[in-house]
Amino acid sequence: KALGNSLSKETAYITEIEKIDDKIKEWQTAELENVRKIKEKLEKNLNNERNNMQKAMIQASIKEIENRINKVTELGMGAIAEANKIKESAGMAKELVEFGRKKLEETNNLLSGKNLTEAKKGVQELGRGVANLKKVMLAIESDVKKKLVPIIGGERIRARKARRAVKKLKK
């Protein structure tokens, strides 16, 4: 029973991993939308500005925003590439979960039929399968933490700094 619950938990995590590229696309879309809004405001300010010094500052900000748009697009593609690698591992994990479920069922049937030697072999195989599954799941979690989170997390911090800089310009 505990094994069954463990397999269900892993399946739920795998399902989350399979949706990871959608989450990256959502982040990218929201980020690009924010940046575009800022750019529009800056362009509007540029058209209304008379002071050449201020105009130059606004133009520099617009250039910075354009760089940001390119960066977010590039990072999104990099993150999706990483996510696809992680999803491949999730596919392996899914196969291991299926194997575990089948073995568990076979072993339960053998136990109910009092075929203890075969059941013992089944339990050993199941143990090896679960150990492999744990290794794959740890690798997936490690990849998510080390490869995906820095891409998106680091970008959020940079984005916040960029927005603060723009707010200061407006004052």
N, C-alpha and C. Protein backbone atom coordinates (compact mmCIF):
# COMPACT_ATOMS: atom_id res chain seq x y z
N LYS A 1 0.83 -1.20 0.00
CA LYS A 1 0.00 0.00 0.00
C LYS A 1 0.87 1.27 0.00
N ALA A 2 1.90 1.26 0.85
CA ALA A 2 2.79 2.43 0.92
C ALA A 2 3.47 2.64 -0.43
N LEU A 3 3.86 1.53 -1.07
CA LEU A 3 4.48 1.63 -2.39
C LEU A 3 3.52 2.25 -3.39
N GLY A 4 2.28 1.84 -3.34
CA GLY A 4 1.26 2.39 -4.24
C GLY A 4 1.12 3.89 -4.06
N ASN A 5 1.12 4.35 -2.80
CA ASN A 5 1.03 5.78 -2.51
C ASN A 5 2.25 6.51 -3.04
N SER A 6 3.42 5.90 -2.85
CA SER A 6 4.67 6.51 -3.32
C SER A 6 4.62 6.66 -4.84
N LEU A 7 4.13 5.62 -5.52
CA LEU A 7 4.04 5.68 -6.98
C LEU A 7 3.08 6.78 -7.42
N SER A 8 1.99 6.94 -6.68
CA SER A 8 1.02 8.00 -7.02
C SER A 8 1.64 9.38 -6.87
N LYS A 9 2.43 9.54 -5.79
CA LYS A 9 3.08 10.83 -5.55
C LYS A 9 4.05 11.16 -6.68
N GLU A 10 4.83 10.15 -7.08
CA GLU A 10 5.79 10.35 -8.17
C GLU A 10 5.05 10.69 -9.46
N THR A 11 3.92 10.02 -9.70
CA THR A 11 3.14 10.28 -10.91
C THR A 11 2.66 11.72 -10.93
N ALA A 12 2.22 12.23 -9.79
CA ALA A 12 1.75 13.62 -9.71
C ALA A 12 2.89 14.58 -10.04
N TYR A 13 4.08 14.29 -9.52
CA TYR A 13 5.24 15.15 -9.80
C TYR A 13 5.60 15.10 -11.27
N ILE A 14 5.56 13.89 -11.85
CA ILE A 14 5.88 13.73 -13.27
C ILE A 14 4.91 14.55 -14.11
N THR A 15 3.63 14.52 -13.73
CA THR A 15 2.61 15.28 -14.46
C THR A 15 2.94 16.77 -14.41
N GLU A 16 3.39 17.25 -13.24
CA GLU A 16 3.80 18.66 -13.13
C GLU A 16 4.97 18.96 -14.07
N ILE A 17 5.94 18.06 -14.11
CA ILE A 17 7.11 18.25 -14.97
C ILE A 17 6.68 18.33 -16.43
N GLU A 18 5.68 17.51 -16.79
CA GLU A 18 5.23 17.51 -18.19
C GLU A 18 4.61 18.85 -18.59
N LYS A 19 4.12 19.60 -17.59
CA LYS A 19 3.49 20.90 -17.89
C LYS A 19 4.49 22.05 -17.79
N ILE A 20 5.76 21.71 -17.53
CA ILE A 20 6.75 22.74 -17.22
C ILE A 20 6.96 23.74 -18.35
N ASP A 21 6.94 23.27 -19.61
CA ASP A 21 7.18 24.23 -20.69
C ASP A 21 6.03 25.22 -20.83
N ASP A 22 4.81 24.79 -20.46
CA ASP A 22 3.68 25.73 -20.46
C ASP A 22 3.93 26.84 -19.44
N LYS A 23 4.46 26.45 -18.28
CA LYS A 23 4.73 27.44 -17.23
C LYS A 23 5.81 28.42 -17.69
N ILE A 24 6.81 27.88 -18.40
CA ILE A 24 7.88 28.76 -18.91
C ILE A 24 7.29 29.73 -19.92
N LYS A 25 6.43 29.24 -20.79
CA LYS A 25 5.81 30.11 -21.81
C LYS A 25 4.95 31.18 -21.14
N GLU A 26 4.22 30.79 -20.07
CA GLU A 26 3.41 31.76 -19.34
C GLU A 26 4.30 32.86 -18.76
N TRP A 27 5.41 32.44 -18.14
CA TRP A 27 6.34 33.41 -17.56
C TRP A 27 6.86 34.35 -18.65
N GLN A 28 7.26 33.75 -19.77
CA GLN A 28 7.84 34.54 -20.86
C GLN A 28 6.81 35.53 -21.41
N THR A 29 5.59 35.09 -21.62
CA THR A 29 4.54 35.95 -22.15
C THR A 29 4.28 37.11 -21.19
N ALA A 30 4.15 36.80 -19.90
CA ALA A 30 3.87 37.85 -18.90
C ALA A 30 5.04 38.85 -18.85
N GLU A 31 6.25 38.32 -18.87
CA GLU A 31 7.44 39.17 -18.80
C GLU A 31 7.52 40.10 -20.02
N LEU A 32 7.30 39.53 -21.21
CA LEU A 32 7.35 40.33 -22.44
C LEU A 32 6.25 41.39 -22.45
N GLU A 33 5.08 41.01 -21.95
CA GLU A 33 3.96 41.96 -21.88
C GLU A 33 4.32 43.16 -21.00
N ASN A 34 4.90 42.87 -19.82
CA ASN A 34 5.32 43.95 -18.90
C ASN A 34 6.33 44.87 -19.57
N VAL A 35 7.31 44.26 -20.21
CA VAL A 35 8.38 45.02 -20.84
C VAL A 35 7.83 45.88 -21.97
N ARG A 36 6.92 45.33 -22.75
CA ARG A 36 6.33 46.10 -23.86
C ARG A 36 5.54 47.30 -23.35
N LYS A 37 4.81 47.10 -22.24
CA LYS A 37 4.04 48.22 -21.67
C LYS A 37 4.98 49.35 -21.25
N ILE A 38 6.08 48.98 -20.61
CA ILE A 38 7.06 49.98 -20.18
C ILE A 38 7.62 50.71 -21.40
N LYS A 39 7.92 49.94 -22.45
CA LYS A 39 8.47 50.53 -23.67
C LYS A 39 7.48 51.54 -24.28
N GLU A 40 6.20 51.17 -24.31
CA GLU A 40 5.18 52.07 -24.87
C GLU A 40 5.13 53.38 -24.07
N LYS A 41 5.16 53.27 -22.73
CA LYS A 41 5.14 54.47 -21.89
C LYS A 41 6.35 55.35 -22.16
N LEU A 42 7.51 54.69 -22.28
CA LEU A 42 8.74 55.45 -22.53
C LEU A 42 8.67 56.17 -23.89
N GLU A 43 8.16 55.47 -24.90
CA GLU A 43 8.05 56.09 -26.23
C GLU A 43 7.10 57.28 -26.19
N LYS A 44 6.02 57.15 -25.42
CA LYS A 44 5.06 58.25 -25.27
C LYS A 44 5.76 59.45 -24.59
N ASN A 45 6.52 59.14 -23.52
CA ASN A 45 7.27 60.20 -22.82
C ASN A 45 8.28 60.87 -23.75
N LEU A 46 8.91 60.06 -24.59
CA LEU A 46 9.93 60.57 -25.51
C LEU A 46 9.30 61.60 -26.46
N ASN A 47 8.09 61.28 -26.97
CA ASN A 47 7.42 62.19 -27.90
C ASN A 47 7.02 63.50 -27.22
N ASN A 48 6.72 63.46 -25.93
CA ASN A 48 6.29 64.67 -25.22
C ASN A 48 7.45 65.46 -24.62
N GLU A 49 8.63 64.85 -24.57
CA GLU A 49 9.78 65.49 -23.90
C GLU A 49 10.41 66.58 -24.76
N ARG A 50 10.75 67.72 -24.12
CA ARG A 50 11.39 68.82 -24.83
C ARG A 50 12.90 68.85 -24.53
N ASN A 51 13.24 68.52 -23.30
CA ASN A 51 14.63 68.59 -22.83
C ASN A 51 15.47 67.49 -23.49
N ASN A 52 16.56 67.90 -24.17
CA ASN A 52 17.41 66.93 -24.89
C ASN A 52 18.08 65.92 -23.96
N MET A 53 18.47 66.38 -22.77
CA MET A 53 19.12 65.49 -21.80
C MET A 53 18.15 64.37 -21.40
N GLN A 54 16.92 64.78 -21.09
CA GLN A 54 15.89 63.79 -20.72
C GLN A 54 15.60 62.85 -21.89
N LYS A 55 15.55 63.42 -23.10
CA LYS A 55 15.30 62.60 -24.29
C LYS A 55 16.35 61.52 -24.43
N ALA A 56 17.60 61.88 -24.24
CA ALA A 56 18.71 60.93 -24.35
C ALA A 56 18.56 59.82 -23.31
N MET A 57 18.17 60.20 -22.10
CA MET A 57 17.98 59.20 -21.04
C MET A 57 16.84 58.24 -21.39
N ILE A 58 15.76 58.80 -21.92
CA ILE A 58 14.61 57.96 -22.29
C ILE A 58 15.00 57.02 -23.44
N GLN A 59 15.75 57.53 -24.41
CA GLN A 59 16.19 56.69 -25.53
C GLN A 59 17.08 55.54 -25.03
N ALA A 60 17.94 55.85 -24.07
CA ALA A 60 18.81 54.81 -23.49
C ALA A 60 17.96 53.75 -22.80
N SER A 61 16.91 54.20 -22.11
CA SER A 61 16.01 53.26 -21.44
C SER A 61 15.29 52.37 -22.45
N ILE A 62 14.86 52.98 -23.56
CA ILE A 62 14.17 52.21 -24.60
C ILE A 62 15.12 51.14 -25.15
N LYS A 63 16.37 51.53 -25.35
CA LYS A 63 17.37 50.58 -25.86
C LYS A 63 17.53 49.42 -24.86
N GLU A 64 17.59 49.77 -23.59
CA GLU A 64 17.71 48.77 -22.51
C GLU A 64 16.51 47.81 -22.54
N ILE A 65 15.33 48.38 -22.72
CA ILE A 65 14.10 47.57 -22.78
C ILE A 65 14.15 46.62 -23.98
N GLU A 66 14.62 47.12 -25.13
CA GLU A 66 14.71 46.25 -26.32
C GLU A 66 15.67 45.09 -26.07
N ASN A 67 16.78 45.39 -25.38
CA ASN A 67 17.72 44.33 -25.01
C ASN A 67 17.04 43.30 -24.11
N ARG A 68 16.23 43.82 -23.21
CA ARG A 68 15.50 42.95 -22.27
C ARG A 68 14.55 42.02 -23.01
N ILE A 69 13.85 42.56 -24.01
CA ILE A 69 12.92 41.74 -24.80
C ILE A 69 13.69 40.59 -25.46
N ASN A 70 14.84 40.93 -26.06
CA ASN A 70 15.66 39.89 -26.69
C ASN A 70 16.14 38.86 -25.68
N LYS A 71 16.54 39.35 -24.50
CA LYS A 71 17.06 38.47 -23.45
C LYS A 71 15.97 37.50 -22.98
N VAL A 72 14.77 38.02 -22.74
CA VAL A 72 13.67 37.17 -22.26
C VAL A 72 13.33 36.11 -23.31
N THR A 73 13.32 36.51 -24.58
CA THR A 73 13.02 35.57 -25.66
C THR A 73 14.07 34.47 -25.68
N GLU A 74 15.33 34.89 -25.59
CA GLU A 74 16.45 33.95 -25.63
C GLU A 74 16.40 33.01 -24.42
N LEU A 75 16.16 33.57 -23.24
CA LEU A 75 16.09 32.76 -22.03
C LEU A 75 14.93 31.78 -22.07
N GLY A 76 13.82 32.24 -22.61
CA GLY A 76 12.66 31.35 -22.73
C GLY A 76 13.00 30.15 -23.58
N MET A 77 13.70 30.39 -24.70
CA MET A 77 14.08 29.27 -25.57
C MET A 77 15.04 28.33 -24.86
N GLY A 78 16.00 28.90 -24.12
CA GLY A 78 16.96 28.09 -23.36
C GLY A 78 16.26 27.27 -22.28
N ALA A 79 15.32 27.92 -21.60
CA ALA A 79 14.59 27.23 -20.53
C ALA A 79 13.74 26.10 -21.10
N ILE A 80 13.14 26.34 -22.26
CA ILE A 80 12.31 25.30 -22.88
C ILE A 80 13.19 24.12 -23.32
N ALA A 81 14.38 24.42 -23.81
CA ALA A 81 15.31 23.34 -24.20
C ALA A 81 15.66 22.50 -22.97
N GLU A 82 15.95 23.18 -21.85
CA GLU A 82 16.24 22.46 -20.60
C GLU A 82 15.02 21.65 -20.16
N ALA A 83 13.85 22.28 -20.25
CA ALA A 83 12.62 21.61 -19.83
C ALA A 83 12.39 20.34 -20.65
N ASN A 84 12.71 20.40 -21.94
CA ASN A 84 12.51 19.21 -22.78
C ASN A 84 13.43 18.07 -22.34
N LYS A 85 14.67 18.41 -21.97
CA LYS A 85 15.58 17.36 -21.47
C LYS A 85 15.00 16.75 -20.19
N ILE A 86 14.50 17.63 -19.32
CA ILE A 86 13.94 17.16 -18.05
C ILE A 86 12.70 16.30 -18.31
N LYS A 87 11.92 16.70 -19.32
CA LYS A 87 10.71 15.92 -19.65
C LYS A 87 11.07 14.52 -20.16
N GLU A 88 12.21 14.41 -20.84
CA GLU A 88 12.65 13.07 -21.27
C GLU A 88 12.89 12.19 -20.05
N SER A 89 13.54 12.75 -19.04
CA SER A 89 13.77 12.00 -17.79
C SER A 89 12.44 11.64 -17.15
N ALA A 90 11.48 12.57 -17.23
CA ALA A 90 10.16 12.31 -16.65
C ALA A 90 9.50 11.14 -17.39
N GLY A 91 9.73 11.04 -18.69
CA GLY A 91 9.19 9.92 -19.46
C GLY A 91 9.75 8.60 -18.95
N MET A 92 11.07 8.59 -18.67
CA MET A 92 11.69 7.38 -18.10
C MET A 92 11.06 7.06 -16.75
N ALA A 93 10.88 8.09 -15.95
CA ALA A 93 10.31 7.89 -14.61
C ALA A 93 8.90 7.33 -14.73
N LYS A 94 8.17 7.83 -15.72
CA LYS A 94 6.79 7.35 -15.91
C LYS A 94 6.79 5.85 -16.23
N GLU A 95 7.73 5.44 -17.09
CA GLU A 95 7.84 4.01 -17.42
C GLU A 95 8.16 3.19 -16.16
N LEU A 96 9.06 3.72 -15.34
CA LEU A 96 9.41 3.01 -14.09
C LEU A 96 8.20 2.91 -13.16
N VAL A 97 7.40 3.98 -13.13
CA VAL A 97 6.19 3.95 -12.28
C VAL A 97 5.24 2.87 -12.79
N GLU A 98 5.05 2.82 -14.10
CA GLU A 98 4.18 1.78 -14.69
C GLU A 98 4.69 0.38 -14.36
N PHE A 99 6.01 0.20 -14.50
CA PHE A 99 6.64 -1.08 -14.17
C PHE A 99 6.33 -1.42 -12.71
N GLY A 100 6.52 -0.44 -11.84
CA GLY A 100 6.27 -0.63 -10.40
C GLY A 100 4.83 -1.04 -10.12
N ARG A 101 3.90 -0.38 -10.79
CA ARG A 101 2.47 -0.71 -10.59
C ARG A 101 2.18 -2.15 -11.01
N LYS A 102 2.71 -2.53 -12.19
CA LYS A 102 2.47 -3.90 -12.69
C LYS A 102 3.07 -4.92 -11.73
N LYS A 103 4.30 -4.68 -11.30
CA LYS A 103 5.00 -5.61 -10.39
C LYS A 103 4.21 -5.73 -9.09
N LEU A 104 3.72 -4.60 -8.61
CA LEU A 104 2.98 -4.58 -7.35
C LEU A 104 1.72 -5.45 -7.48
N GLU A 105 1.05 -5.28 -8.61
CA GLU A 105 -0.17 -6.06 -8.86
C GLU A 105 0.15 -7.55 -8.96
N GLU A 106 1.21 -7.88 -9.74
CA GLU A 106 1.61 -9.29 -9.89
C GLU A 106 1.96 -9.89 -8.53
N THR A 107 2.71 -9.14 -7.74
CA THR A 107 3.15 -9.64 -6.43
C THR A 107 1.95 -9.85 -5.51
N ASN A 108 1.00 -8.93 -5.54
CA ASN A 108 -0.21 -9.09 -4.72
C ASN A 108 -0.99 -10.34 -5.13
N ASN A 109 -1.07 -10.56 -6.45
CA ASN A 109 -1.77 -11.76 -6.93
C ASN A 109 -1.05 -13.03 -6.48
N LEU A 110 0.28 -13.01 -6.55
CA LEU A 110 1.07 -14.18 -6.13
C LEU A 110 0.89 -14.43 -4.63
N LEU A 111 0.86 -13.35 -3.86
CA LEU A 111 0.67 -13.50 -2.41
C LEU A 111 -0.70 -14.07 -2.09
N SER A 112 -1.72 -13.61 -2.80
CA SER A 112 -3.06 -14.12 -2.53
C SER A 112 -3.19 -15.58 -2.96
N GLY A 113 -2.35 -15.97 -3.96
CA GLY A 113 -2.34 -17.38 -4.40
C GLY A 113 -1.36 -18.21 -3.59
N LYS A 114 -0.79 -17.63 -2.54
CA LYS A 114 0.17 -18.29 -1.64
C LYS A 114 1.43 -18.79 -2.35
N ASN A 115 1.78 -18.18 -3.51
CA ASN A 115 3.01 -18.56 -4.22
C ASN A 115 4.13 -17.67 -3.70
N LEU A 116 4.70 -18.05 -2.56
CA LEU A 116 5.61 -17.17 -1.83
C LEU A 116 6.98 -17.00 -2.49
N THR A 117 7.52 -18.03 -3.11
CA THR A 117 8.86 -17.88 -3.72
C THR A 117 8.81 -16.90 -4.88
N GLU A 118 7.77 -17.03 -5.70
CA GLU A 118 7.61 -16.07 -6.83
C GLU A 118 7.33 -14.66 -6.30
N ALA A 119 6.52 -14.58 -5.25
CA ALA A 119 6.18 -13.28 -4.67
C ALA A 119 7.44 -12.61 -4.14
N LYS A 120 8.32 -13.40 -3.53
CA LYS A 120 9.57 -12.86 -2.98
C LYS A 120 10.42 -12.27 -4.12
N LYS A 121 10.51 -12.99 -5.24
CA LYS A 121 11.26 -12.48 -6.40
C LYS A 121 10.63 -11.18 -6.90
N GLY A 122 9.30 -11.16 -6.94
CA GLY A 122 8.58 -9.96 -7.39
C GLY A 122 8.87 -8.76 -6.51
N VAL A 123 8.91 -9.00 -5.20
CA VAL A 123 9.18 -7.92 -4.24
C VAL A 123 10.60 -7.39 -4.45
N GLN A 124 11.54 -8.30 -4.70
CA GLN A 124 12.93 -7.87 -4.94
C GLN A 124 13.01 -7.02 -6.21
N GLU A 125 12.34 -7.48 -7.26
CA GLU A 125 12.34 -6.71 -8.52
C GLU A 125 11.72 -5.34 -8.31
N LEU A 126 10.62 -5.35 -7.55
CA LEU A 126 9.91 -4.11 -7.25
C LEU A 126 10.83 -3.16 -6.50
N GLY A 127 11.58 -3.68 -5.55
CA GLY A 127 12.52 -2.87 -4.77
C GLY A 127 13.56 -2.22 -5.68
N ARG A 128 14.09 -3.01 -6.63
CA ARG A 128 15.08 -2.46 -7.56
C ARG A 128 14.45 -1.38 -8.43
N GLY A 129 13.23 -1.66 -8.89
CA GLY A 129 12.52 -0.68 -9.74
C GLY A 129 12.29 0.64 -9.01
N VAL A 130 11.88 0.54 -7.75
CA VAL A 130 11.62 1.75 -6.95
C VAL A 130 12.93 2.50 -6.70
N ALA A 131 14.02 1.76 -6.48
CA ALA A 131 15.33 2.41 -6.27
C ALA A 131 15.72 3.19 -7.53
N ASN A 132 15.52 2.58 -8.70
CA ASN A 132 15.82 3.27 -9.96
C ASN A 132 14.94 4.50 -10.12
N LEU A 133 13.67 4.35 -9.79
CA LEU A 133 12.72 5.47 -9.90
C LEU A 133 13.19 6.63 -9.02
N LYS A 134 13.61 6.31 -7.79
CA LYS A 134 14.07 7.37 -6.88
C LYS A 134 15.27 8.10 -7.47
N LYS A 135 16.21 7.34 -8.08
CA LYS A 135 17.39 7.97 -8.69
C LYS A 135 16.96 8.94 -9.79
N VAL A 136 16.05 8.47 -10.66
CA VAL A 136 15.59 9.32 -11.77
C VAL A 136 14.88 10.56 -11.22
N MET A 137 14.03 10.38 -10.22
CA MET A 137 13.30 11.52 -9.66
C MET A 137 14.26 12.53 -9.02
N LEU A 138 15.28 12.03 -8.33
CA LEU A 138 16.27 12.94 -7.74
C LEU A 138 17.00 13.72 -8.83
N ALA A 139 17.33 13.03 -9.93
CA ALA A 139 18.01 13.70 -11.04
C ALA A 139 17.11 14.79 -11.63
N ILE A 140 15.82 14.48 -11.77
CA ILE A 140 14.86 15.47 -12.31
C ILE A 140 14.80 16.69 -11.39
N GLU A 141 14.62 16.43 -10.08
CA GLU A 141 14.51 17.55 -9.14
C GLU A 141 15.78 18.40 -9.15
N SER A 142 16.92 17.73 -9.24
CA SER A 142 18.19 18.44 -9.28
C SER A 142 18.29 19.31 -10.53
N ASP A 143 17.88 18.74 -11.69
CA ASP A 143 17.90 19.52 -12.93
C ASP A 143 16.99 20.74 -12.84
N VAL A 144 15.81 20.54 -12.27
CA VAL A 144 14.87 21.66 -12.14
C VAL A 144 15.50 22.76 -11.29
N LYS A 145 16.09 22.37 -10.15
CA LYS A 145 16.67 23.36 -9.25
C LYS A 145 17.90 24.04 -9.85
N LYS A 146 18.77 23.23 -10.47
CA LYS A 146 20.06 23.78 -10.91
C LYS A 146 20.00 24.44 -12.28
N LYS A 147 19.10 23.96 -13.16
CA LYS A 147 19.12 24.46 -14.54
C LYS A 147 17.97 25.40 -14.87
N LEU A 148 16.77 25.09 -14.37
CA LEU A 148 15.62 25.93 -14.73
C LEU A 148 15.43 27.11 -13.79
N VAL A 149 15.47 26.85 -12.49
CA VAL A 149 15.20 27.91 -11.53
C VAL A 149 16.15 29.10 -11.70
N PRO A 150 17.46 28.87 -11.90
CA PRO A 150 18.35 30.04 -12.08
C PRO A 150 17.99 30.87 -13.31
N ILE A 151 17.57 30.22 -14.39
CA ILE A 151 17.23 30.96 -15.61
C ILE A 151 16.09 31.92 -15.31
N ILE A 152 15.02 31.38 -14.75
CA ILE A 152 13.82 32.20 -14.55
C ILE A 152 13.96 33.07 -13.30
N GLY A 153 14.46 32.49 -12.21
CA GLY A 153 14.59 33.24 -10.96
C GLY A 153 15.53 34.43 -11.10
N GLY A 154 16.69 34.20 -11.71
CA GLY A 154 17.66 35.27 -11.91
C GLY A 154 17.09 36.37 -12.77
N GLU A 155 16.29 35.98 -13.74
CA GLU A 155 15.68 36.95 -14.63
C GLU A 155 14.67 37.81 -13.90
N ARG A 156 13.94 37.21 -12.96
CA ARG A 156 12.94 37.99 -12.21
C ARG A 156 13.63 39.11 -11.45
N ILE A 157 14.78 38.78 -10.85
CA ILE A 157 15.51 39.78 -10.07
C ILE A 157 15.98 40.91 -10.99
N ARG A 158 16.54 40.55 -12.15
CA ARG A 158 17.00 41.56 -13.11
C ARG A 158 15.83 42.41 -13.60
N ALA A 159 14.69 41.77 -13.81
CA ALA A 159 13.51 42.50 -14.29
C ALA A 159 13.07 43.52 -13.25
N ARG A 160 13.10 43.11 -11.97
CA ARG A 160 12.71 44.02 -10.91
C ARG A 160 13.63 45.24 -10.89
N LYS A 161 14.93 44.99 -11.04
CA LYS A 161 15.89 46.11 -11.06
C LYS A 161 15.61 47.04 -12.23
N ALA A 162 15.29 46.45 -13.39
CA ALA A 162 15.02 47.26 -14.58
C ALA A 162 13.78 48.12 -14.35
N ARG A 163 12.74 47.54 -13.74
CA ARG A 163 11.50 48.30 -13.50
C ARG A 163 11.76 49.44 -12.52
N ARG A 164 12.58 49.18 -11.48
CA ARG A 164 12.91 50.23 -10.51
C ARG A 164 13.64 51.39 -11.19
N ALA A 165 14.56 51.02 -12.07
CA ALA A 165 15.34 52.05 -12.78
C ALA A 165 14.41 52.93 -13.61
N VAL A 166 13.43 52.31 -14.26
CA VAL A 166 12.49 53.06 -15.09
C VAL A 166 11.63 53.97 -14.22
N LYS A 167 11.20 53.46 -13.05
CA LYS A 167 10.39 54.29 -12.15
C LYS A 167 11.17 55.52 -11.70
N LYS A 168 12.46 55.34 -11.42
CA LYS A 168 13.29 56.47 -10.99
C LYS A 168 13.40 57.50 -12.11
N LEU A 169 13.48 57.02 -13.33
CA LEU A 169 13.57 57.92 -14.48
C LEU A 169 12.33 58.81 -14.58
N LYS A 170 11.18 58.22 -14.31
CA LYS A 170 9.92 58.96 -14.46
C LYS A 170 9.84 60.14 -13.49
N LYS A 171 10.49 59.98 -12.31
CA LYS A 171 10.44 61.04 -11.28
C LYS A 171 11.31 62.16 -11.69
